[in-house]
């Protein structure tokens, strides 16, 4: 390509896109494609808006200059509508949703959705657009995230892994669900269970989670570097994905790449991501859009099945990642959207 690609970073409060930005820039660098963060730069050929931006005026001016604008969309803010939330957070969530929808409706020439679930959600809430679109899953470095490594799951007990950046608010419910599931699995399998939790968890929440199942072994790993994730994934038997209505959670595709099967409720994009025997995706059992309490027993049964047939599921998990989540394929798909 003759010019460069301008990247517009994500809005604050719309987490999960920083890792994409870094991966994409690295991918472009290997192809000797220059990038910038300046929407006014004269060498810009296209602009990739990662989610949304409050810099709508320079974005509009770039569009008037004939620069192609591509918007990358995951989901939208929704938890503030169903749980008690401080007014300031409610306003921020609604403003961010408005900005995303405005760019989608008036400025974007092409939209890349992170999953079919994400696309259908936006179409349902804001209506379908005549703008050209595509669905491109997040990608992962299949060399860095691989089953190959010295780490292996323990043989004297089962290790269930939960990986989230910050476990608070509605995400605290995911931790509570993980504790209930792990406790039930221990009863069903008659074997010692370890629940390993990676992420930022307050001391109060740790106490509350442990009180649900006082005898459950919970390992609190806290916040770890991204480089540490592959080893942690390889050391577990199964990943529980706790995020509700996630568009394309990195923790899931990274686990699959490491050969770690996934157990999850059927919300968001989990059904389309965890396919071909790479894990088990189970009905939530109640209305998750209203944050009702889920049905734990079927989830525990599914988790137990993965634990008992772990080697089979591990091979399928890696195969699914190779087929659908290769980082090189993701970069290529975005490049086609940007320069076609």
Foldseek 3Di string as FASTA:
>chain_A
DQFAEAEADDDPPPDDCPVVVVLLVVLCVVVVGDYHNDLPDPRHQAYEYEQFDPPVPSLVVSVVVVRAYEYEDFAADQVVVQDPDPPVVVVVRVVSRVRNLCCVAPRHQEYEYQAPLRVVRCCVPPNDDPRHYYYAHAADALVLLALDDPAAADDQFAEEEEEDAAQDDLSLLLLLLVLVLQVVLCVVVVGAYEYEYEYADDPVSVVVSCVSPVPHHYHYPYYDDPSCLSNVLRHHQAYEYRDAQTRHHPSLLSSLSNLHAYQYEPGHCVVVQRDDLLFYYHHQCDDVSNPDHGDNVVSSVRVNVCNVVRVVNSVRSNVSSVVGHHSNVSSVVVVVVNPD
